[in-house]
Amino acid sequence: MKRALGYLLLGFLISVLMLTVMNVNEFGEHSIGVGEHYLDEGLEESGATNLVTNIVLDYRGYDTLGEVTVLFTATTGVAALFWREKHGRKEKE
């Protein structure tokens, strides 16, 4: 009984995987028109003169802020580790 249930589950997972792979777009084919919207309407919506800067700062601003926060936190952590190893922890007297 357990073996039959295992085969049934395996067959279901393989079917889902096959359906997913069959519905993937061809390379270069887009199913979402977000990129085209950025190119067509980006400069008019923001008033920026540079389209790349517009996309990074206007449309992807929160994403960029998150990436900068992660980089700052990682850099601060590494610097703290190096500082601690160089100076060591001093005991109170």
Protein backbone atom coordinates (compact mmCIF):
# COMPACT_ATOMS: atom_id res chain seq x y z
CA MET A 1 0.00 0.00 0.00
CA LYS A 2 2.78 2.45 0.92
CA ARG A 3 4.68 1.58 -2.24
CA ALA A 4 1.61 2.24 -4.42
CA LEU A 5 1.04 5.57 -2.67
CA GLY A 6 4.70 6.46 -3.24
CA TYR A 7 4.45 5.65 -6.95
CA LEU A 8 1.24 7.67 -7.21
CA LEU A 9 2.89 10.67 -5.54
CA LEU A 10 5.97 10.31 -7.74
CA GLY A 11 3.79 10.18 -10.86
CA PHE A 12 1.92 13.29 -9.74
CA LEU A 13 5.15 15.20 -9.12
CA ILE A 14 6.59 14.18 -12.48
CA SER A 15 3.35 15.26 -14.20
CA VAL A 16 3.44 18.66 -12.51
CA LEU A 17 7.10 19.07 -13.47
CA MET A 18 6.43 18.13 -17.09
CA LEU A 19 3.47 20.53 -17.36
CA THR A 20 5.59 23.31 -15.88
CA VAL A 21 8.46 22.70 -18.28
CA MET A 22 6.12 22.52 -21.28
CA ASN A 23 4.61 25.93 -20.41
CA VAL A 24 7.90 27.80 -20.08
CA ASN A 25 8.29 30.61 -22.61
CA GLU A 26 10.87 30.43 -25.36
CA PHE A 27 14.08 32.33 -24.70
CA GLY A 28 13.49 36.02 -25.30
CA GLU A 29 9.70 35.71 -25.28
CA HIS A 30 8.04 37.73 -22.53
CA SER A 31 4.70 36.91 -20.98
CA ILE A 32 4.59 40.04 -18.82
CA GLY A 33 4.63 43.47 -20.44
CA VAL A 34 6.35 45.26 -17.56
CA GLY A 35 9.58 45.82 -19.46
CA GLU A 36 7.72 47.28 -22.41
CA HIS A 37 5.79 49.55 -20.06
CA TYR A 38 9.06 50.78 -18.53
CA LEU A 39 10.46 51.55 -21.98
CA ASP A 40 7.32 53.16 -23.37
CA GLU A 41 6.03 55.14 -20.39
CA GLY A 42 9.03 55.45 -18.07
CA LEU A 43 10.32 58.84 -19.11
CA GLU A 44 6.87 60.42 -19.26
CA GLU A 45 5.81 59.10 -15.85
CA SER A 46 8.89 60.25 -13.97
CA GLY A 47 10.22 63.17 -15.96
CA ALA A 48 13.76 61.78 -15.75
CA THR A 49 16.19 62.25 -18.61
CA ASN A 50 17.96 58.91 -18.23
CA LEU A 51 15.85 55.77 -18.61
CA VAL A 52 18.23 53.50 -16.67
CA THR A 53 18.35 55.86 -13.71
CA ASN A 54 14.58 56.17 -13.88
CA ILE A 55 14.08 52.41 -13.67
CA VAL A 56 16.59 51.94 -10.85
CA LEU A 57 15.40 54.84 -8.70
CA ASP A 58 11.67 55.05 -9.47
CA TYR A 59 10.44 51.58 -10.29
CA ARG A 60 12.99 49.52 -8.39
CA GLY A 61 13.75 51.95 -5.59
CA TYR A 62 12.67 49.72 -2.71
CA ASP A 63 14.52 46.76 -4.18
CA THR A 64 17.67 48.86 -4.51
CA LEU A 65 17.24 50.15 -0.95
CA GLY A 66 16.98 46.56 0.28
CA GLU A 67 20.12 45.53 -1.58
CA VAL A 68 22.06 48.49 -0.18
CA THR A 69 20.85 47.63 3.33
CA VAL A 70 22.03 44.03 2.98
CA LEU A 71 25.43 45.14 1.64
CA PHE A 72 25.84 47.70 4.44
CA THR A 73 24.92 45.13 7.10
CA ALA A 74 27.32 42.55 5.67
CA THR A 75 30.15 45.08 5.43
CA THR A 76 29.55 46.26 8.99
CA GLY A 77 29.56 42.67 10.26
CA VAL A 78 32.82 41.80 8.50
CA ALA A 79 34.44 45.02 9.74
CA ALA A 80 33.32 44.22 13.30
CA LEU A 81 34.83 40.74 13.06
CA PHE A 82 38.15 42.11 11.81
CA TRP A 83 38.16 44.82 14.49
CA ARG A 84 37.44 42.30 17.23
CA GLU A 85 40.22 40.01 16.05
CA LYS A 86 42.71 42.88 15.82
CA HIS A 87 41.88 44.56 19.13
CA GLY A 88 40.47 41.60 21.02
CA ARG A 89 38.05 41.77 23.88
CA LYS A 90 39.49 43.56 26.88
CA GLU A 91 38.39 42.52 30.33
CA LYS A 92 37.16 45.05 32.83
CA GLU A 93 39.61 45.83 35.58
